[in-house]
Amino acid sequence: MSFLLGLTGSIGMGKSTTAQMFVDEGCQVWDADAAVHRLYAKGGAAVEPIRAVFSDAVANDEVSRDVLRTIISKDGSALKTIEAIVHPLVAGDRAEFREKATADILVFDIPLLFETDGDQKMDAVVCVSVPAELQEIRVLERDTMNKAQFELIISKQMPDAEKRARADYLVITDTLDHARQQVSEIVTEIRAGIDNA
């Protein structure tokens, strides 16, 4: 029986980099954002259901996230409709990963883990974090994001302080070496617990 470890943190905190560090330690990672990309890609399970509701959002048999964002910004009820389609498909993708995975520690990289009560299904949760100023610098360095978009995303996420308080483990991603050291310590502690169980 694998140990289920949730990995969460707000935008720009270094979650993807931290997830790769868990892979380097021999864990297997399921990435919620990557699952959505698979569902939205050509042949993905979300393409036809979304086309049926928002035909403008599908081009070349793929769902356009940019068009979906525009639809959501104009129509207050659109997000709930999209979530009703996508969330069950994401849950199915996650369940399939769990069935096939063989590592002793399975890491579930889920940005909205606490917001969706996903932490209830985990044995423990890791929160990645950095000071707010560094977070903003990182996000605005991406060409895809401006300050208004960043603030909108932050407003929809649980505050970092609350995530840190609810998590079992904290990884501060101020430097790669510091983050790697913390990940290694977490994996060592969990494996020691598994061995003693």
C-alpha atoms as a PDB file:
ATOM      1  CA  MET A   1       0.000   0.000   0.000  1.00  0.00           C
ATOM      2  CA  SER A   2       1.530   3.290  -1.133  1.00  0.00           C
ATOM      3  CA  PHE A   3       1.736   6.411   1.032  1.00  0.00           C
ATOM      4  CA  LEU A   4      -0.414   9.189  -0.487  1.00  0.00           C
ATOM      5  CA  LEU A   5       1.247  12.601  -0.230  1.00  0.00           C
ATOM      6  CA  GLY A   6      -0.574  15.742  -1.336  1.00  0.00           C
ATOM      7  CA  LEU A   7       1.563  18.546  -2.768  1.00  0.00           C
ATOM      8  CA  THR A   8       0.062  22.019  -2.894  1.00  0.00           C
ATOM      9  CA  GLY A   9       0.935  25.683  -2.876  1.00  0.00           C
ATOM     10  CA  SER A  10      -0.177  28.893  -4.509  1.00  0.00           C
ATOM     11  CA  ILE A  11       0.913  30.071  -7.957  1.00  0.00           C
ATOM     12  CA  GLY A  12       4.620  30.885  -8.276  1.00  0.00           C
ATOM     13  CA  MET A  13       5.677  28.995  -5.159  1.00  0.00           C
ATOM     14  CA  GLY A  14       7.798  26.400  -7.007  1.00  0.00           C
ATOM     15  CA  LYS A  15       5.443  23.439  -6.886  1.00  0.00           C
ATOM     16  CA  SER A  16       6.412  21.925 -10.256  1.00  0.00           C
ATOM     17  CA  THR A  17      10.117  22.135  -9.412  1.00  0.00           C
ATOM     18  CA  THR A  18       9.445  20.547  -6.013  1.00  0.00           C
ATOM     19  CA  ALA A  19       7.370  17.777  -7.633  1.00  0.00           C
ATOM     20  CA  GLN A  20      10.371  16.886  -9.812  1.00  0.00           C
ATOM     21  CA  MET A  21      12.526  16.655  -6.668  1.00  0.00           C
ATOM     22  CA  PHE A  22      10.120  14.020  -5.306  1.00  0.00           C
ATOM     23  CA  VAL A  23      10.504  12.110  -8.598  1.00  0.00           C
ATOM     24  CA  ASP A  24      14.289  12.311  -8.149  1.00  0.00           C
ATOM     25  CA  GLU A  25      13.788  10.678  -4.714  1.00  0.00           C
ATOM     26  CA  GLY A  26      11.979   7.705  -6.300  1.00  0.00           C
ATOM     27  CA  CYS A  27       8.383   8.853  -5.784  1.00  0.00           C
ATOM     28  CA  GLN A  28       5.759   8.847  -8.526  1.00  0.00           C
ATOM     29  CA  VAL A  29       3.888  12.114  -9.166  1.00  0.00           C
ATOM     30  CA  TRP A  30       0.400  12.756 -10.508  1.00  0.00           C
ATOM     31  CA  ASP A  31      -0.019  16.333 -11.741  1.00  0.00           C
ATOM     32  CA  ALA A  32      -3.554  17.787 -11.790  1.00  0.00           C
ATOM     33  CA  ASP A  33      -2.658  20.482 -14.343  1.00  0.00           C
ATOM     34  CA  ALA A  34      -1.067  17.899 -16.653  1.00  0.00           C
ATOM     35  CA  ALA A  35      -4.227  15.781 -16.348  1.00  0.00           C
ATOM     36  CA  VAL A  36      -6.344  18.752 -17.474  1.00  0.00           C
ATOM     37  CA  HIS A  37      -3.980  19.307 -20.418  1.00  0.00           C
ATOM     38  CA  ARG A  38      -4.469  15.644 -21.439  1.00  0.00           C
ATOM     39  CA  LEU A  39      -8.249  16.007 -21.179  1.00  0.00           C
ATOM     40  CA  TYR A  40      -8.218  19.193 -23.297  1.00  0.00           C
ATOM     41  CA  ALA A  41      -5.814  17.865 -25.963  1.00  0.00           C
ATOM     42  CA  LYS A  42      -6.880  16.196 -29.234  1.00  0.00           C
ATOM     43  CA  GLY A  43      -8.753  13.022 -28.375  1.00  0.00           C
ATOM     44  CA  GLY A  44      -9.048  14.080 -24.726  1.00  0.00           C
ATOM     45  CA  ALA A  45     -12.166  13.097 -22.808  1.00  0.00           C
ATOM     46  CA  ALA A  46     -13.207  16.713 -22.092  1.00  0.00           C
ATOM     47  CA  VAL A  47     -13.182  17.946 -25.721  1.00  0.00           C
ATOM     48  CA  GLU A  48     -16.651  16.768 -26.818  1.00  0.00           C
ATOM     49  CA  PRO A  49     -18.499  17.596 -23.555  1.00  0.00           C
ATOM     50  CA  ILE A  50     -17.048  21.133 -23.613  1.00  0.00           C
ATOM     51  CA  ARG A  51     -17.808  21.527 -27.335  1.00  0.00           C
ATOM     52  CA  ALA A  52     -21.439  20.650 -26.557  1.00  0.00           C
ATOM     53  CA  VAL A  53     -21.702  23.559 -24.090  1.00  0.00           C
ATOM     54  CA  PHE A  54     -19.139  26.111 -25.313  1.00  0.00           C
ATOM     55  CA  SER A  55     -18.482  25.343 -28.988  1.00  0.00           C
ATOM     56  CA  ASP A  56     -16.310  28.495 -29.336  1.00  0.00           C
ATOM     57  CA  ALA A  57     -13.825  26.997 -26.856  1.00  0.00           C
ATOM     58  CA  VAL A  58     -12.888  24.099 -29.167  1.00  0.00           C
ATOM     59  CA  ALA A  59     -10.590  24.647 -32.148  1.00  0.00           C
ATOM     60  CA  ASN A  60      -8.746  21.944 -34.132  1.00  0.00           C
ATOM     61  CA  ASP A  61     -10.387  19.340 -31.849  1.00  0.00           C
ATOM     62  CA  GLU A  62      -8.643  20.806 -28.781  1.00  0.00           C
ATOM     63  CA  VAL A  63     -10.023  22.902 -25.941  1.00  0.00           C
ATOM     64  CA  SER A  64      -8.511  26.385 -25.839  1.00  0.00           C
ATOM     65  CA  ARG A  65      -7.804  27.400 -22.242  1.00  0.00           C
ATOM     66  CA  ASP A  66      -7.516  31.036 -23.355  1.00  0.00           C
ATOM     67  CA  VAL A  67     -11.030  30.987 -24.837  1.00  0.00           C
ATOM     68  CA  LEU A  68     -12.343  29.243 -21.699  1.00  0.00           C
ATOM     69  CA  ARG A  69     -10.781  31.997 -19.542  1.00  0.00           C
ATOM     70  CA  THR A  70     -12.519  34.644 -21.679  1.00  0.00           C
ATOM     71  CA  ILE A  71     -15.857  32.810 -21.392  1.00  0.00           C
ATOM     72  CA  ILE A  72     -15.446  32.515 -17.602  1.00  0.00           C
ATOM     73  CA  SER A  73     -14.618  36.231 -17.275  1.00  0.00           C
ATOM     74  CA  LYS A  74     -17.835  37.163 -19.147  1.00  0.00           C
ATOM     75  CA  ASP A  75     -20.205  34.542 -17.718  1.00  0.00           C
ATOM     76  CA  GLY A  76     -20.340  34.055 -13.951  1.00  0.00           C
ATOM     77  CA  SER A  77     -21.915  30.587 -14.210  1.00  0.00           C
ATOM     78  CA  ALA A  78     -19.492  29.198 -16.828  1.00  0.00           C
ATOM     79  CA  LEU A  79     -16.849  28.071 -14.332  1.00  0.00           C
ATOM     80  CA  LYS A  80     -19.321  25.831 -12.469  1.00  0.00           C
ATOM     81  CA  THR A  81     -20.430  24.277 -15.768  1.00  0.00           C
ATOM     82  CA  ILE A  82     -16.822  23.605 -16.827  1.00  0.00           C
ATOM     83  CA  GLU A  83     -15.924  22.193 -13.398  1.00  0.00           C
ATOM     84  CA  ALA A  84     -18.942  19.851 -13.537  1.00  0.00           C
ATOM     85  CA  ILE A  85     -17.525  18.417 -16.773  1.00  0.00           C
ATOM     86  CA  VAL A  86     -13.820  18.409 -15.923  1.00  0.00           C
ATOM     87  CA  HIS A  87     -13.646  17.463 -12.214  1.00  0.00           C
ATOM     88  CA  PRO A  88     -15.095  13.928 -12.619  1.00  0.00           C
ATOM     89  CA  LEU A  89     -12.731  13.318 -15.568  1.00  0.00           C
ATOM     90  CA  VAL A  90      -9.742  14.514 -13.531  1.00  0.00           C
ATOM     91  CA  ALA A  91     -10.819  12.249 -10.658  1.00  0.00           C
ATOM     92  CA  GLY A  92     -10.910   9.304 -13.084  1.00  0.00           C
ATOM     93  CA  ASP A  93      -7.418  10.141 -14.353  1.00  0.00           C
ATOM     94  CA  ARG A  94      -6.149  10.285 -10.753  1.00  0.00           C
ATOM     95  CA  ALA A  95      -7.777   6.946  -9.876  1.00  0.00           C
ATOM     96  CA  GLU A  96      -6.158   5.316 -12.928  1.00  0.00           C
ATOM     97  CA  PHE A  97      -2.748   6.643 -11.824  1.00  0.00           C
ATOM     98  CA  ARG A  98      -3.262   5.175  -8.336  1.00  0.00           C
ATOM     99  CA  GLU A  99      -4.145   1.758  -9.762  1.00  0.00           C
ATOM    100  CA  LYS A 100      -1.057   1.612 -11.996  1.00  0.00           C
ATOM    101  CA  ALA A 101       1.534   3.306  -9.765  1.00  0.00           C
ATOM    102  CA  THR A 102       4.072   1.091  -8.000  1.00  0.00           C
ATOM    103  CA  ALA A 103       6.192   3.504  -5.905  1.00  0.00           C
ATOM    104  CA  ASP A 104       6.066   3.435  -2.093  1.00  0.00           C
ATOM    105  CA  ILE A 105       5.211   7.170  -2.053  1.00  0.00           C
ATOM    106  CA  LEU A 106       2.696   8.644  -4.504  1.00  0.00           C
ATOM    107  CA  VAL A 107       2.702  12.446  -4.735  1.00  0.00           C
ATOM    108  CA  PHE A 108      -0.439  14.263  -5.895  1.00  0.00           C
ATOM    109  CA  ASP A 109       0.423  17.724  -7.235  1.00  0.00           C
ATOM    110  CA  ILE A 110      -2.901  19.565  -6.811  1.00  0.00           C
ATOM    111  CA  PRO A 111      -2.949  23.398  -6.655  1.00  0.00           C
ATOM    112  CA  LEU A 112      -6.425  23.570  -5.043  1.00  0.00           C
ATOM    113  CA  LEU A 113      -5.958  20.557  -2.745  1.00  0.00           C
ATOM    114  CA  PHE A 114      -7.346  22.237   0.391  1.00  0.00           C
ATOM    115  CA  GLU A 115      -9.999  24.242  -1.487  1.00  0.00           C
ATOM    116  CA  THR A 116     -11.487  21.004  -2.891  1.00  0.00           C
ATOM    117  CA  ASP A 117     -11.052  18.981   0.354  1.00  0.00           C
ATOM    118  CA  GLY A 118      -8.590  16.741  -1.494  1.00  0.00           C
ATOM    119  CA  ASP A 119      -6.402  16.735   1.618  1.00  0.00           C
ATOM    120  CA  GLN A 120      -8.975  14.394   3.229  1.00  0.00           C
ATOM    121  CA  LYS A 121      -7.886  11.644   0.803  1.00  0.00           C
ATOM    122  CA  MET A 122      -4.153  12.016   1.571  1.00  0.00           C
ATOM    123  CA  ASP A 123      -1.974  10.474   4.288  1.00  0.00           C
ATOM    124  CA  ALA A 124      -0.103  13.793   4.600  1.00  0.00           C
ATOM    125  CA  VAL A 125       0.224  17.127   2.789  1.00  0.00           C
ATOM    126  CA  VAL A 126       3.270  19.167   1.737  1.00  0.00           C
ATOM    127  CA  CYS A 127       2.859  22.902   1.140  1.00  0.00           C
ATOM    128  CA  VAL A 128       5.468  24.757  -0.928  1.00  0.00           C
ATOM    129  CA  SER A 129       5.965  28.392  -0.052  1.00  0.00           C
ATOM    130  CA  VAL A 130       8.119  31.500  -0.429  1.00  0.00           C
ATOM    131  CA  PRO A 131       7.649  35.070   0.820  1.00  0.00           C
ATOM    132  CA  ALA A 132       4.915  36.988  -1.063  1.00  0.00           C
ATOM    133  CA  GLU A 133       7.395  39.407  -2.698  1.00  0.00           C
ATOM    134  CA  LEU A 134       9.382  36.540  -4.255  1.00  0.00           C
ATOM    135  CA  GLN A 135       6.168  34.827  -5.338  1.00  0.00           C
ATOM    136  CA  GLU A 136       5.027  37.955  -7.209  1.00  0.00           C
ATOM    137  CA  ILE A 137       8.436  38.433  -8.872  1.00  0.00           C
ATOM    138  CA  ARG A 138       8.406  34.810 -10.100  1.00  0.00           C
ATOM    139  CA  VAL A 139       4.878  34.995 -11.485  1.00  0.00           C
ATOM    140  CA  LEU A 140       5.349  38.326 -13.264  1.00  0.00           C
ATOM    141  CA  GLU A 141       8.562  37.022 -14.880  1.00  0.00           C
ATOM    142  CA  ARG A 142       6.296  34.677 -16.879  1.00  0.00           C
ATOM    143  CA  ASP A 143       5.325  36.352 -20.136  1.00  0.00           C
ATOM    144  CA  THR A 144       1.833  34.921 -19.810  1.00  0.00           C
ATOM    145  CA  MET A 145       0.803  36.845 -16.703  1.00  0.00           C
ATOM    146  CA  ASN A 146       0.229  40.472 -15.691  1.00  0.00           C
ATOM    147  CA  LYS A 147      -0.303  41.909 -12.206  1.00  0.00           C
ATOM    148  CA  ALA A 148      -4.113  42.055 -12.522  1.00  0.00           C
ATOM    149  CA  GLN A 149      -4.308  38.394 -13.613  1.00  0.00           C
ATOM    150  CA  PHE A 150      -1.956  37.391 -10.784  1.00  0.00           C
ATOM    151  CA  GLU A 151      -4.074  39.218  -8.201  1.00  0.00           C
ATOM    152  CA  LEU A 152      -7.247  37.602  -9.563  1.00  0.00           C
ATOM    153  CA  ILE A 153      -5.722  34.106  -9.232  1.00  0.00           C
ATOM    154  CA  ILE A 154      -4.463  34.861  -5.706  1.00  0.00           C
ATOM    155  CA  SER A 155      -7.938  36.096  -4.703  1.00  0.00           C
ATOM    156  CA  LYS A 156      -9.404  32.687  -5.627  1.00  0.00           C
ATOM    157  CA  GLN A 157      -6.809  30.637  -3.735  1.00  0.00           C
ATOM    158  CA  MET A 158      -6.648  29.932  -0.019  1.00  0.00           C
ATOM    159  CA  PRO A 159      -4.136  32.313   1.615  1.00  0.00           C
ATOM    160  CA  ASP A 160      -0.591  30.927   1.804  1.00  0.00           C
ATOM    161  CA  ALA A 161      -0.506  31.276   5.604  1.00  0.00           C
ATOM    162  CA  GLU A 162      -3.613  29.092   5.932  1.00  0.00           C
ATOM    163  CA  LYS A 163      -2.187  26.430   3.604  1.00  0.00           C
ATOM    164  CA  ARG A 164       1.049  26.368   5.590  1.00  0.00           C
ATOM    165  CA  ALA A 165      -0.884  26.028   8.854  1.00  0.00           C
ATOM    166  CA  ARG A 166      -2.938  23.088   7.543  1.00  0.00           C
ATOM    167  CA  ALA A 167      -0.044  21.186   5.911  1.00  0.00           C
ATOM    168  CA  ASP A 168       1.934  18.414   7.611  1.00  0.00           C
ATOM    169  CA  TYR A 169       5.180  19.451   5.894  1.00  0.00           C
ATOM    170  CA  LEU A 170       6.518  22.718   4.538  1.00  0.00           C
ATOM    171  CA  VAL A 171       9.053  23.179   1.727  1.00  0.00           C
ATOM    172  CA  ILE A 172      10.496  26.681   1.386  1.00  0.00           C
ATOM    173  CA  THR A 173      11.658  27.041  -2.218  1.00  0.00           C
ATOM    174  CA  ASP A 174      13.912  30.090  -1.750  1.00  0.00           C
ATOM    175  CA  THR A 175      16.831  28.145  -3.291  1.00  0.00           C
ATOM    176  CA  LEU A 176      16.989  24.846  -5.160  1.00  0.00           C
ATOM    177  CA  ASP A 177      19.454  23.339  -2.681  1.00  0.00           C
ATOM    178  CA  HIS A 178      17.311  24.291   0.317  1.00  0.00           C
ATOM    179  CA  ALA A 179      14.176  22.868  -1.332  1.00  0.00           C
ATOM    180  CA  ARG A 180      15.983  19.642  -2.308  1.00  0.00           C
ATOM    181  CA  GLN A 181      17.249  19.160   1.256  1.00  0.00           C
ATOM    182  CA  GLN A 182      13.719  19.553   2.690  1.00  0.00           C
ATOM    183  CA  VAL A 183      12.222  17.143   0.143  1.00  0.00           C
ATOM    184  CA  SER A 184      14.895  14.567   0.967  1.00  0.00           C
ATOM    185  CA  GLU A 185      14.145  14.901   4.703  1.00  0.00           C
ATOM    186  CA  ILE A 186      10.391  14.492   4.128  1.00  0.00           C
ATOM    187  CA  VAL A 187      10.879  11.360   2.001  1.00  0.00           C
ATOM    188  CA  THR A 188      13.306   9.882   4.549  1.00  0.00           C
ATOM    189  CA  GLU A 189      10.815  10.506   7.397  1.00  0.00           C
ATOM    190  CA  ILE A 190       7.876   9.005   5.480  1.00  0.00           C
ATOM    191  CA  ARG A 191       9.901   5.947   4.434  1.00  0.00           C
ATOM    192  CA  ALA A 192      11.002   5.399   8.031  1.00  0.00           C
ATOM    193  CA  GLY A 193       7.336   5.438   9.053  1.00  0.00           C
ATOM    194  CA  ILE A 194       6.402   2.999   6.276  1.00  0.00           C
ATOM    195  CA  ASP A 195       9.183   0.638   7.317  1.00  0.00           C
ATOM    196  CA  ASN A 196       8.017   0.736  10.940  1.00  0.00           C
ATOM    197  CA  ALA A 197       4.340   0.279  10.129  1.00  0.00           C
END
